[in-house]
Amino acid sequence: MKKLSFSIIALFMIGTLITGCNASNGNKDAFNTDGKYNVVATTTMLSDLTRAIGGEYVEVKGLMGPGIDPHLYKASAGDVSLMQKSDMIVYNGLHLEGKMAEVFENLTDSGKLVVTISEGIDEAKLLESDDGGIYDPHIWFDVNLWKDAAVELAEGLKKLAPEHSEKFEANLQSYLAELDELNEYIIQRASELPEKNRVLITAHDAFNYFGNAYGFEVKGLQGISTASEAGTSDLRELANYIVENQIKAIFIESSVPHKNIEALQEAVKAKGFEVKIGGELYSDSIGDIGTDTETYIETFKSNIDTIVDALK
């Protein structure tokens, strides 16, 4: 009986050691161990930006995949572990990742290099929100603000790997030139619409920077955060506005349920006017990997094409 008990204990201890080794290896292999710096970015836009500027010297892990709503995202234990094991963390700030604020604070206090992209933008350029006196976090919808964000990220990478500073700067300048081309494309396409037709109606207020930069009046059913709910009065007021102004199209969003916009369309129809759903816009996420919207630049081009083609 004693021999049996000893055998069971020995097997248990061996199993525990094996499990422990496997867990350790699993954590180690969370990143590519080929000498690159390990960076965690929260949103798909930031993952794309980090890869563009970090280039061959960084291994980027994104916490949120395409179609994920950052306003509602909660960090899992695995996410926290991944960030703890990284060399640098990149997040938007301005309460976009509102449910993760304490996590970033703790990581910063622990000495981790944490880059808050919005800190690179002049406060005077930020739009105030009606949601409790905070700033609108959707800064990527003004390409010129995204250029400021790119500069801030490059500075973070230079702190992380000063030996590659020249390469990061070269990547930055190349990317800024691409953003200038994107900005011109958006302006050109927007100019195809008469000013009276430049009205963008979406599920939530993600496009105010876009409207401010490119001359669109923007209206959303929900506030800047999808955590807020659209009320019956909001639906009624927006339906009246669409009928009164004969708006041709409204838009669904890739990271927000479609039910509110579909309800708005029905409310307009009940008033004797037909408004079409003009297409799907990418708001809090870029497109899927392997598609023609897998980068920030491609996604923004898709958005402006969808908007202009539907409202013409």
C-alpha atoms as a PDB file:
ATOM      1  CA  MET A   1       0.000   0.000   0.000  1.00  0.00           C
ATOM      2  CA  LYS A   2       2.901   2.317   0.879  1.00  0.00           C
ATOM      3  CA  LYS A   3       4.588   1.521  -2.461  1.00  0.00           C
ATOM      4  CA  LEU A   4       1.353   2.344  -4.320  1.00  0.00           C
ATOM      5  CA  SER A   5       0.952   5.633  -2.485  1.00  0.00           C
ATOM      6  CA  PHE A   6       4.566   6.563  -3.241  1.00  0.00           C
ATOM      7  CA  SER A   7       4.067   5.732  -6.932  1.00  0.00           C
ATOM      8  CA  ILE A   8       0.954   7.902  -7.129  1.00  0.00           C
ATOM      9  CA  ILE A   9       2.770  10.822  -5.468  1.00  0.00           C
ATOM     10  CA  ALA A  10       5.749  10.418  -7.795  1.00  0.00           C
ATOM     11  CA  LEU A  11       3.533  10.381 -10.861  1.00  0.00           C
ATOM     12  CA  PHE A  12       1.720  13.467  -9.618  1.00  0.00           C
ATOM     13  CA  MET A  13       4.998  15.347  -9.110  1.00  0.00           C
ATOM     14  CA  ILE A  14       6.278  14.388 -12.565  1.00  0.00           C
ATOM     15  CA  GLY A  15       2.987  15.474 -14.124  1.00  0.00           C
ATOM     16  CA  THR A  16       3.165  18.782 -12.308  1.00  0.00           C
ATOM     17  CA  LEU A  17       6.699  19.399 -13.554  1.00  0.00           C
ATOM     18  CA  ILE A  18       5.723  18.568 -17.124  1.00  0.00           C
ATOM     19  CA  THR A  19       2.709  20.859 -16.916  1.00  0.00           C
ATOM     20  CA  GLY A  20       4.864  23.605 -15.487  1.00  0.00           C
ATOM     21  CA  CYS A  21       7.415  23.208 -18.289  1.00  0.00           C
ATOM     22  CA  ASN A  22       4.704  23.270 -20.913  1.00  0.00           C
ATOM     23  CA  ALA A  23       3.168  26.417 -19.419  1.00  0.00           C
ATOM     24  CA  SER A  24       6.558  28.087 -19.319  1.00  0.00           C
ATOM     25  CA  ASN A  25       7.308  27.173 -22.925  1.00  0.00           C
ATOM     26  CA  GLY A  26       3.853  28.347 -23.979  1.00  0.00           C
ATOM     27  CA  ASN A  27       4.447  31.774 -22.437  1.00  0.00           C
ATOM     28  CA  LYS A  28       7.911  32.015 -23.962  1.00  0.00           C
ATOM     29  CA  ASP A  29       6.573  31.133 -27.385  1.00  0.00           C
ATOM     30  CA  ALA A  30       3.883  33.818 -27.188  1.00  0.00           C
ATOM     31  CA  PHE A  31       6.431  35.925 -29.087  1.00  0.00           C
ATOM     32  CA  ASN A  32       8.830  35.108 -31.870  1.00  0.00           C
ATOM     33  CA  THR A  33      12.233  34.541 -30.263  1.00  0.00           C
ATOM     34  CA  ASP A  34      14.362  35.489 -33.273  1.00  0.00           C
ATOM     35  CA  GLY A  35      15.879  38.600 -31.739  1.00  0.00           C
ATOM     36  CA  LYS A  36      13.107  41.038 -32.580  1.00  0.00           C
ATOM     37  CA  TYR A  37      11.685  43.411 -29.992  1.00  0.00           C
ATOM     38  CA  ASN A  38       8.269  42.280 -28.750  1.00  0.00           C
ATOM     39  CA  VAL A  39       5.543  44.906 -28.920  1.00  0.00           C
ATOM     40  CA  VAL A  40       1.881  44.619 -27.925  1.00  0.00           C
ATOM     41  CA  ALA A  41      -0.615  47.030 -29.509  1.00  0.00           C
ATOM     42  CA  THR A  42      -4.263  47.268 -28.518  1.00  0.00           C
ATOM     43  CA  THR A  43      -6.239  48.092 -31.676  1.00  0.00           C
ATOM     44  CA  THR A  44      -5.831  46.955 -35.270  1.00  0.00           C
ATOM     45  CA  MET A  45      -4.941  50.517 -36.338  1.00  0.00           C
ATOM     46  CA  LEU A  46      -2.089  50.639 -33.842  1.00  0.00           C
ATOM     47  CA  SER A  47      -0.846  47.170 -34.760  1.00  0.00           C
ATOM     48  CA  ASP A  48      -0.653  48.273 -38.394  1.00  0.00           C
ATOM     49  CA  LEU A  49       1.095  51.538 -37.499  1.00  0.00           C
ATOM     50  CA  THR A  50       3.649  49.747 -35.309  1.00  0.00           C
ATOM     51  CA  ARG A  51       4.494  47.270 -38.046  1.00  0.00           C
ATOM     52  CA  ALA A  52       4.861  50.074 -40.599  1.00  0.00           C
ATOM     53  CA  ILE A  53       7.383  52.015 -38.513  1.00  0.00           C
ATOM     54  CA  GLY A  54       8.998  49.198 -36.534  1.00  0.00           C
ATOM     55  CA  GLY A  55       9.577  47.151 -39.670  1.00  0.00           C
ATOM     56  CA  GLU A  56      11.856  44.138 -39.409  1.00  0.00           C
ATOM     57  CA  TYR A  57      12.977  44.941 -35.884  1.00  0.00           C
ATOM     58  CA  VAL A  58       9.681  44.329 -34.090  1.00  0.00           C
ATOM     59  CA  GLU A  59       7.311  41.439 -33.542  1.00  0.00           C
ATOM     60  CA  VAL A  60       3.845  42.933 -33.064  1.00  0.00           C
ATOM     61  CA  LYS A  61       0.998  41.213 -31.231  1.00  0.00           C
ATOM     62  CA  GLY A  62      -2.417  42.865 -31.425  1.00  0.00           C
ATOM     63  CA  LEU A  63      -4.844  42.358 -28.557  1.00  0.00           C
ATOM     64  CA  MET A  64      -7.901  43.111 -30.686  1.00  0.00           C
ATOM     65  CA  GLY A  65      -8.620  41.558 -34.050  1.00  0.00           C
ATOM     66  CA  PRO A  66     -10.675  43.005 -36.927  1.00  0.00           C
ATOM     67  CA  GLY A  67     -14.243  43.876 -35.978  1.00  0.00           C
ATOM     68  CA  ILE A  68     -13.539  44.097 -32.235  1.00  0.00           C
ATOM     69  CA  ASP A  69     -15.012  47.085 -30.387  1.00  0.00           C
ATOM     70  CA  PRO A  70     -12.267  48.664 -28.212  1.00  0.00           C
ATOM     71  CA  HIS A  71     -14.802  50.592 -26.124  1.00  0.00           C
ATOM     72  CA  LEU A  72     -16.130  47.351 -24.657  1.00  0.00           C
ATOM     73  CA  TYR A  73     -12.957  45.253 -24.687  1.00  0.00           C
ATOM     74  CA  LYS A  74     -11.801  43.755 -21.396  1.00  0.00           C
ATOM     75  CA  ALA A  75      -8.265  42.429 -21.020  1.00  0.00           C
ATOM     76  CA  SER A  76      -8.078  38.711 -20.274  1.00  0.00           C
ATOM     77  CA  ALA A  77      -5.498  37.134 -17.975  1.00  0.00           C
ATOM     78  CA  GLY A  78      -3.684  36.026 -21.133  1.00  0.00           C
ATOM     79  CA  ASP A  79      -3.630  39.597 -22.451  1.00  0.00           C
ATOM     80  CA  VAL A  80      -2.117  40.883 -19.223  1.00  0.00           C
ATOM     81  CA  SER A  81       0.495  38.110 -19.256  1.00  0.00           C
ATOM     82  CA  LEU A  82       1.375  38.931 -22.863  1.00  0.00           C
ATOM     83  CA  MET A  83       1.832  42.608 -22.044  1.00  0.00           C
ATOM     84  CA  GLN A  84       3.962  41.796 -19.000  1.00  0.00           C
ATOM     85  CA  LYS A  85       6.290  39.725 -21.195  1.00  0.00           C
ATOM     86  CA  SER A  86       6.529  42.352 -23.940  1.00  0.00           C
ATOM     87  CA  ASP A  87       9.232  44.956 -24.423  1.00  0.00           C
ATOM     88  CA  MET A  88       6.789  47.755 -25.229  1.00  0.00           C
ATOM     89  CA  ILE A  89       3.040  48.384 -25.160  1.00  0.00           C
ATOM     90  CA  VAL A  90       1.162  50.757 -27.478  1.00  0.00           C
ATOM     91  CA  TYR A  91      -2.346  52.017 -26.807  1.00  0.00           C
ATOM     92  CA  ASN A  92      -4.562  54.862 -27.980  1.00  0.00           C
ATOM     93  CA  GLY A  93      -5.636  56.536 -24.743  1.00  0.00           C
ATOM     94  CA  LEU A  94      -8.412  59.146 -24.398  1.00  0.00           C
ATOM     95  CA  HIS A  95     -10.563  56.402 -22.831  1.00  0.00           C
ATOM     96  CA  LEU A  96     -10.825  54.418 -26.080  1.00  0.00           C
ATOM     97  CA  GLU A  97      -9.698  51.310 -24.202  1.00  0.00           C
ATOM     98  CA  GLY A  98     -11.733  52.466 -21.212  1.00  0.00           C
ATOM     99  CA  LYS A  99     -12.023  49.076 -19.521  1.00  0.00           C
ATOM    100  CA  MET A 100      -8.242  48.616 -19.525  1.00  0.00           C
ATOM    101  CA  ALA A 101      -7.130  51.880 -17.890  1.00  0.00           C
ATOM    102  CA  GLU A 102      -6.065  50.263 -14.612  1.00  0.00           C
ATOM    103  CA  VAL A 103      -4.046  47.614 -16.467  1.00  0.00           C
ATOM    104  CA  PHE A 104      -1.999  50.259 -18.314  1.00  0.00           C
ATOM    105  CA  GLU A 105      -1.496  52.221 -15.114  1.00  0.00           C
ATOM    106  CA  ASN A 106      -0.143  49.163 -13.307  1.00  0.00           C
ATOM    107  CA  LEU A 107       2.169  48.263 -16.200  1.00  0.00           C
ATOM    108  CA  THR A 108       3.550  51.806 -16.293  1.00  0.00           C
ATOM    109  CA  ASP A 109       4.126  51.766 -12.528  1.00  0.00           C
ATOM    110  CA  SER A 110       6.029  48.488 -12.912  1.00  0.00           C
ATOM    111  CA  GLY A 111       8.524  50.185 -15.236  1.00  0.00           C
ATOM    112  CA  LYS A 112       7.188  48.829 -18.537  1.00  0.00           C
ATOM    113  CA  LEU A 113       7.672  51.057 -21.608  1.00  0.00           C
ATOM    114  CA  VAL A 114       4.104  52.129 -22.441  1.00  0.00           C
ATOM    115  CA  VAL A 115       3.429  54.465 -25.377  1.00  0.00           C
ATOM    116  CA  THR A 116       0.164  56.412 -25.318  1.00  0.00           C
ATOM    117  CA  ILE A 117      -0.344  57.531 -28.905  1.00  0.00           C
ATOM    118  CA  SER A 118      -2.734  60.379 -28.115  1.00  0.00           C
ATOM    119  CA  GLU A 119      -0.059  62.102 -26.027  1.00  0.00           C
ATOM    120  CA  GLY A 120       1.648  63.029 -29.284  1.00  0.00           C
ATOM    121  CA  ILE A 121      -1.295  65.170 -30.361  1.00  0.00           C
ATOM    122  CA  ASP A 122      -1.658  68.825 -29.385  1.00  0.00           C
ATOM    123  CA  GLU A 123      -4.595  69.074 -26.992  1.00  0.00           C
ATOM    124  CA  ALA A 124      -5.915  72.044 -28.977  1.00  0.00           C
ATOM    125  CA  LYS A 125      -6.493  69.703 -31.938  1.00  0.00           C
ATOM    126  CA  LEU A 126      -8.630  67.272 -29.928  1.00  0.00           C
ATOM    127  CA  LEU A 127     -12.406  67.394 -30.088  1.00  0.00           C
ATOM    128  CA  GLU A 128     -14.363  67.520 -26.870  1.00  0.00           C
ATOM    129  CA  SER A 129     -17.093  64.975 -26.377  1.00  0.00           C
ATOM    130  CA  ASP A 130     -20.582  65.264 -24.962  1.00  0.00           C
ATOM    131  CA  ASP A 131     -19.906  62.047 -23.023  1.00  0.00           C
ATOM    132  CA  GLY A 132     -18.832  63.378 -19.622  1.00  0.00           C
ATOM    133  CA  GLY A 133     -16.354  66.081 -20.646  1.00  0.00           C
ATOM    134  CA  ILE A 134     -13.708  63.783 -22.166  1.00  0.00           C
ATOM    135  CA  TYR A 135     -11.978  64.047 -25.525  1.00  0.00           C
ATOM    136  CA  ASP A 136     -13.102  62.081 -28.573  1.00  0.00           C
ATOM    137  CA  PRO A 137     -10.604  59.204 -28.960  1.00  0.00           C
ATOM    138  CA  HIS A 138     -11.211  58.479 -32.684  1.00  0.00           C
ATOM    139  CA  ILE A 139      -8.132  60.453 -33.748  1.00  0.00           C
ATOM    140  CA  TRP A 140      -7.248  58.150 -36.672  1.00  0.00           C
ATOM    141  CA  PHE A 141     -10.077  59.604 -38.760  1.00  0.00           C
ATOM    142  CA  ASP A 142      -8.081  62.782 -39.372  1.00  0.00           C
ATOM    143  CA  VAL A 143      -5.011  61.738 -41.337  1.00  0.00           C
ATOM    144  CA  ASN A 144      -3.032  64.749 -40.121  1.00  0.00           C
ATOM    145  CA  LEU A 145      -3.626  63.696 -36.512  1.00  0.00           C
ATOM    146  CA  TRP A 146      -2.565  60.161 -37.393  1.00  0.00           C
ATOM    147  CA  LYS A 147       0.685  61.621 -38.672  1.00  0.00           C
ATOM    148  CA  ASP A 148       1.241  63.088 -35.192  1.00  0.00           C
ATOM    149  CA  ALA A 149       0.453  59.670 -33.729  1.00  0.00           C
ATOM    150  CA  ALA A 150       3.034  58.086 -36.042  1.00  0.00           C
ATOM    151  CA  VAL A 151       5.696  60.513 -34.809  1.00  0.00           C
ATOM    152  CA  GLU A 152       4.853  59.655 -31.191  1.00  0.00           C
ATOM    153  CA  LEU A 153       5.130  55.949 -31.920  1.00  0.00           C
ATOM    154  CA  ALA A 154       8.484  56.405 -33.644  1.00  0.00           C
ATOM    155  CA  GLU A 155       9.805  58.197 -30.554  1.00  0.00           C
ATOM    156  CA  GLY A 156       8.693  55.256 -28.427  1.00  0.00           C
ATOM    157  CA  LEU A 157      10.459  52.794 -30.716  1.00  0.00           C
ATOM    158  CA  LYS A 158      13.646  54.860 -30.562  1.00  0.00           C
ATOM    159  CA  LYS A 159      13.554  54.610 -26.767  1.00  0.00           C
ATOM    160  CA  LEU A 160      13.008  50.877 -27.036  1.00  0.00           C
ATOM    161  CA  ALA A 161      15.795  50.235 -29.545  1.00  0.00           C
ATOM    162  CA  PRO A 162      18.080  53.283 -29.907  1.00  0.00           C
ATOM    163  CA  GLU A 163      20.468  51.247 -32.053  1.00  0.00           C
ATOM    164  CA  HIS A 164      17.791  51.193 -34.796  1.00  0.00           C
ATOM    165  CA  SER A 165      16.781  54.868 -34.497  1.00  0.00           C
ATOM    166  CA  GLU A 166      17.906  55.786 -38.004  1.00  0.00           C
ATOM    167  CA  LYS A 167      15.875  52.973 -39.541  1.00  0.00           C
ATOM    168  CA  PHE A 168      12.789  53.894 -37.509  1.00  0.00           C
ATOM    169  CA  GLU A 169      13.140  57.505 -38.660  1.00  0.00           C
ATOM    170  CA  ALA A 170      13.462  56.412 -42.299  1.00  0.00           C
ATOM    171  CA  ASN A 171      10.359  54.212 -41.967  1.00  0.00           C
ATOM    172  CA  LEU A 172       8.511  57.099 -40.337  1.00  0.00           C
ATOM    173  CA  GLN A 173       9.311  59.538 -43.131  1.00  0.00           C
ATOM    174  CA  SER A 174       8.281  57.002 -45.755  1.00  0.00           C
ATOM    175  CA  TYR A 175       4.994  56.350 -43.949  1.00  0.00           C
ATOM    176  CA  LEU A 176       4.270  60.070 -43.486  1.00  0.00           C
ATOM    177  CA  ALA A 177       4.607  60.476 -47.260  1.00  0.00           C
ATOM    178  CA  GLU A 178       2.074  57.673 -47.754  1.00  0.00           C
ATOM    179  CA  LEU A 179      -0.287  59.396 -45.331  1.00  0.00           C
ATOM    180  CA  ASP A 180       0.027  62.643 -47.298  1.00  0.00           C
ATOM    181  CA  GLU A 181      -1.028  60.755 -50.420  1.00  0.00           C
ATOM    182  CA  LEU A 182      -3.968  59.245 -48.528  1.00  0.00           C
ATOM    183  CA  ASN A 183      -5.023  62.677 -47.302  1.00  0.00           C
ATOM    184  CA  GLU A 184      -5.035  64.038 -50.850  1.00  0.00           C
ATOM    185  CA  TYR A 185      -7.078  61.058 -52.034  1.00  0.00           C
ATOM    186  CA  ILE A 186      -9.723  61.645 -49.359  1.00  0.00           C
ATOM    187  CA  ILE A 187      -9.933  65.365 -50.160  1.00  0.00           C
ATOM    188  CA  GLN A 188     -10.262  64.633 -53.881  1.00  0.00           C
ATOM    189  CA  ARG A 189     -13.026  62.084 -53.381  1.00  0.00           C
ATOM    190  CA  ALA A 190     -14.914  64.269 -50.899  1.00  0.00           C
ATOM    191  CA  SER A 191     -14.844  67.117 -53.433  1.00  0.00           C
ATOM    192  CA  GLU A 192     -17.053  65.011 -55.716  1.00  0.00           C
ATOM    193  CA  LEU A 193     -19.959  65.644 -53.339  1.00  0.00           C
ATOM    194  CA  PRO A 194     -21.798  68.985 -53.135  1.00  0.00           C
ATOM    195  CA  GLU A 195     -21.601  70.408 -49.610  1.00  0.00           C
ATOM    196  CA  LYS A 196     -25.327  69.834 -49.028  1.00  0.00           C
ATOM    197  CA  ASN A 197     -24.817  66.093 -49.627  1.00  0.00           C
ATOM    198  CA  ARG A 198     -21.936  65.740 -47.165  1.00  0.00           C
ATOM    199  CA  VAL A 199     -23.961  64.299 -44.304  1.00  0.00           C
ATOM    200  CA  LEU A 200     -22.666  61.123 -42.679  1.00  0.00           C
ATOM    201  CA  ILE A 201     -25.036  59.172 -40.421  1.00  0.00           C
ATOM    202  CA  THR A 202     -23.650  56.119 -38.615  1.00  0.00           C
ATOM    203  CA  ALA A 203     -24.235  53.924 -35.569  1.00  0.00           C
ATOM    204  CA  HIS A 204     -22.042  55.900 -33.148  1.00  0.00           C
ATOM    205  CA  ASP A 205     -20.047  59.123 -33.085  1.00  0.00           C
ATOM    206  CA  ALA A 206     -16.778  57.707 -34.398  1.00  0.00           C
ATOM    207  CA  PHE A 207     -16.430  60.060 -37.370  1.00  0.00           C
ATOM    208  CA  ASN A 208     -16.338  63.551 -35.872  1.00  0.00           C
ATOM    209  CA  TYR A 209     -12.633  64.010 -36.662  1.00  0.00           C
ATOM    210  CA  PHE A 210     -13.370  62.870 -40.209  1.00  0.00           C
ATOM    211  CA  GLY A 211     -16.213  65.379 -40.512  1.00  0.00           C
ATOM    212  CA  ASN A 212     -14.121  68.173 -39.044  1.00  0.00           C
ATOM    213  CA  ALA A 213     -11.180  67.489 -41.384  1.00  0.00           C
ATOM    214  CA  TYR A 214     -13.029  66.825 -44.627  1.00  0.00           C
ATOM    215  CA  GLY A 215     -16.167  68.971 -44.436  1.00  0.00           C
ATOM    216  CA  PHE A 216     -18.892  66.494 -43.481  1.00  0.00           C
ATOM    217  CA  GLU A 217     -21.731  66.941 -41.028  1.00  0.00           C
ATOM    218  CA  VAL A 218     -21.653  63.826 -38.869  1.00  0.00           C
ATOM    219  CA  LYS A 219     -24.453  62.328 -36.806  1.00  0.00           C
ATOM    220  CA  GLY A 220     -24.408  59.097 -34.804  1.00  0.00           C
ATOM    221  CA  LEU A 221     -27.155  57.226 -32.976  1.00  0.00           C
ATOM    222  CA  GLN A 222     -24.900  56.530 -29.989  1.00  0.00           C
ATOM    223  CA  GLY A 223     -22.248  58.700 -28.366  1.00  0.00           C
ATOM    224  CA  ILE A 224     -18.497  58.377 -28.935  1.00  0.00           C
ATOM    225  CA  SER A 225     -18.521  55.174 -26.891  1.00  0.00           C
ATOM    226  CA  THR A 226     -20.646  52.209 -27.878  1.00  0.00           C
ATOM    227  CA  ALA A 227     -21.151  51.612 -24.160  1.00  0.00           C
ATOM    228  CA  SER A 228     -23.860  54.281 -24.331  1.00  0.00           C
ATOM    229  CA  GLU A 229     -27.291  53.276 -25.583  1.00  0.00           C
ATOM    230  CA  ALA A 230     -29.375  54.956 -28.270  1.00  0.00           C
ATOM    231  CA  GLY A 231     -32.758  55.970 -26.874  1.00  0.00           C
ATOM    232  CA  THR A 232     -36.142  56.145 -28.590  1.00  0.00           C
ATOM    233  CA  SER A 233     -35.940  59.934 -28.729  1.00  0.00           C
ATOM    234  CA  ASP A 234     -32.525  59.720 -30.448  1.00  0.00           C
ATOM    235  CA  LEU A 235     -33.996  57.404 -33.069  1.00  0.00           C
ATOM    236  CA  ARG A 236     -37.017  59.630 -33.628  1.00  0.00           C
ATOM    237  CA  GLU A 237     -34.990  62.843 -33.908  1.00  0.00           C
ATOM    238  CA  LEU A 238     -32.543  61.343 -36.375  1.00  0.00           C
ATOM    239  CA  ALA A 239     -35.351  59.834 -38.463  1.00  0.00           C
ATOM    240  CA  ASN A 240     -37.010  63.267 -38.663  1.00  0.00           C
ATOM    241  CA  TYR A 241     -33.691  64.820 -39.693  1.00  0.00           C
ATOM    242  CA  ILE A 242     -33.232  62.273 -42.504  1.00  0.00           C
ATOM    243  CA  VAL A 243     -36.745  62.879 -43.855  1.00  0.00           C
ATOM    244  CA  GLU A 244     -36.500  66.672 -43.616  1.00  0.00           C
ATOM    245  CA  ASN A 245     -33.129  66.769 -45.374  1.00  0.00           C
ATOM    246  CA  GLN A 246     -33.810  63.932 -47.842  1.00  0.00           C
ATOM    247  CA  ILE A 247     -30.630  62.072 -46.859  1.00  0.00           C
ATOM    248  CA  LYS A 248     -29.891  59.361 -49.422  1.00  0.00           C
ATOM    249  CA  ALA A 249     -27.943  56.865 -47.326  1.00  0.00           C
ATOM    250  CA  ILE A 250     -26.980  55.850 -43.800  1.00  0.00           C
ATOM    251  CA  PHE A 251     -24.152  53.503 -42.835  1.00  0.00           C
ATOM    252  CA  ILE A 252     -23.532  50.457 -40.685  1.00  0.00           C
ATOM    253  CA  GLU A 253     -20.167  49.877 -38.968  1.00  0.00           C
ATOM    254  CA  SER A 254     -17.946  46.810 -38.937  1.00  0.00           C
ATOM    255  CA  SER A 255     -17.402  46.772 -35.161  1.00  0.00           C
ATOM    256  CA  VAL A 256     -20.931  47.770 -34.058  1.00  0.00           C
ATOM    257  CA  PRO A 257     -24.124  45.647 -34.249  1.00  0.00           C
ATOM    258  CA  HIS A 258     -26.287  46.632 -37.214  1.00  0.00           C
ATOM    259  CA  LYS A 259     -29.628  46.562 -35.367  1.00  0.00           C
ATOM    260  CA  ASN A 260     -29.731  50.283 -34.487  1.00  0.00           C
ATOM    261  CA  ILE A 261     -29.122  51.479 -38.044  1.00  0.00           C
ATOM    262  CA  GLU A 262     -31.643  48.977 -39.354  1.00  0.00           C
ATOM    263  CA  ALA A 263     -34.174  50.272 -36.793  1.00  0.00           C
ATOM    264  CA  LEU A 264     -33.420  53.817 -37.972  1.00  0.00           C
ATOM    265  CA  GLN A 265     -34.075  52.791 -41.559  1.00  0.00           C
ATOM    266  CA  GLU A 266     -37.456  51.332 -40.541  1.00  0.00           C
ATOM    267  CA  ALA A 267     -38.336  54.484 -38.569  1.00  0.00           C
ATOM    268  CA  VAL A 268     -37.632  56.588 -41.658  1.00  0.00           C
ATOM    269  CA  LYS A 269     -39.709  54.252 -43.819  1.00  0.00           C
ATOM    270  CA  ALA A 270     -42.627  54.626 -41.395  1.00  0.00           C
ATOM    271  CA  LYS A 271     -42.533  58.359 -42.148  1.00  0.00           C
ATOM    272  CA  GLY A 272     -42.957  57.706 -45.870  1.00  0.00           C
ATOM    273  CA  PHE A 273     -39.342  58.145 -46.974  1.00  0.00           C
ATOM    274  CA  GLU A 274     -36.858  55.540 -48.179  1.00  0.00           C
ATOM    275  CA  VAL A 275     -33.237  55.767 -47.033  1.00  0.00           C
ATOM    276  CA  LYS A 276     -30.821  53.075 -48.113  1.00  0.00           C
ATOM    277  CA  ILE A 277     -27.996  51.529 -46.129  1.00  0.00           C
ATOM    278  CA  GLY A 278     -25.072  52.816 -48.137  1.00  0.00           C
ATOM    279  CA  GLY A 279     -22.607  50.181 -47.041  1.00  0.00           C
ATOM    280  CA  GLU A 280     -20.369  49.150 -44.178  1.00  0.00           C
ATOM    281  CA  LEU A 281     -17.749  51.500 -42.773  1.00  0.00           C
ATOM    282  CA  TYR A 282     -14.740  50.533 -40.686  1.00  0.00           C
ATOM    283  CA  SER A 283     -14.878  52.607 -37.525  1.00  0.00           C
ATOM    284  CA  ASP A 284     -13.006  51.178 -34.525  1.00  0.00           C
ATOM    285  CA  SER A 285     -11.101  48.543 -36.500  1.00  0.00           C
ATOM    286  CA  ILE A 286      -9.441  48.103 -39.874  1.00  0.00           C
ATOM    287  CA  GLY A 287     -10.384  45.248 -42.207  1.00  0.00           C
ATOM    288  CA  ASP A 288      -9.568  41.555 -42.200  1.00  0.00           C
ATOM    289  CA  ILE A 289      -6.099  40.227 -42.954  1.00  0.00           C
ATOM    290  CA  GLY A 290      -5.851  39.008 -46.531  1.00  0.00           C
ATOM    291  CA  THR A 291      -8.403  41.508 -47.863  1.00  0.00           C
ATOM    292  CA  ASP A 292      -7.973  44.866 -49.603  1.00  0.00           C
ATOM    293  CA  THR A 293      -8.689  46.623 -46.296  1.00  0.00           C
ATOM    294  CA  GLU A 294      -6.051  44.987 -44.096  1.00  0.00           C
ATOM    295  CA  THR A 295      -4.087  48.225 -43.511  1.00  0.00           C
ATOM    296  CA  TYR A 296      -5.100  51.604 -42.130  1.00  0.00           C
ATOM    297  CA  ILE A 297      -4.499  53.292 -45.491  1.00  0.00           C
ATOM    298  CA  GLU A 298      -6.513  50.723 -47.435  1.00  0.00           C
ATOM    299  CA  THR A 299      -9.323  50.859 -44.877  1.00  0.00           C
ATOM    300  CA  PHE A 300      -9.596  54.642 -45.016  1.00  0.00           C
ATOM    301  CA  LYS A 301      -9.688  54.556 -48.818  1.00  0.00           C
ATOM    302  CA  SER A 302     -12.476  51.986 -48.639  1.00  0.00           C
ATOM    303  CA  ASN A 303     -14.417  54.185 -46.218  1.00  0.00           C
ATOM    304  CA  ILE A 304     -14.260  57.341 -48.322  1.00  0.00           C
ATOM    305  CA  ASP A 305     -15.140  55.399 -51.489  1.00  0.00           C
ATOM    306  CA  THR A 306     -18.159  53.836 -49.756  1.00  0.00           C
ATOM    307  CA  ILE A 307     -19.337  57.193 -48.376  1.00  0.00           C
ATOM    308  CA  VAL A 308     -18.966  59.176 -51.589  1.00  0.00           C
ATOM    309  CA  ASP A 309     -20.407  56.498 -53.868  1.00  0.00           C
ATOM    310  CA  ALA A 310     -23.503  56.120 -51.653  1.00  0.00           C
ATOM    311  CA  LEU A 311     -24.180  59.838 -51.182  1.00  0.00           C
ATOM    312  CA  LYS A 312     -23.557  60.968 -54.789  1.00  0.00           C
END
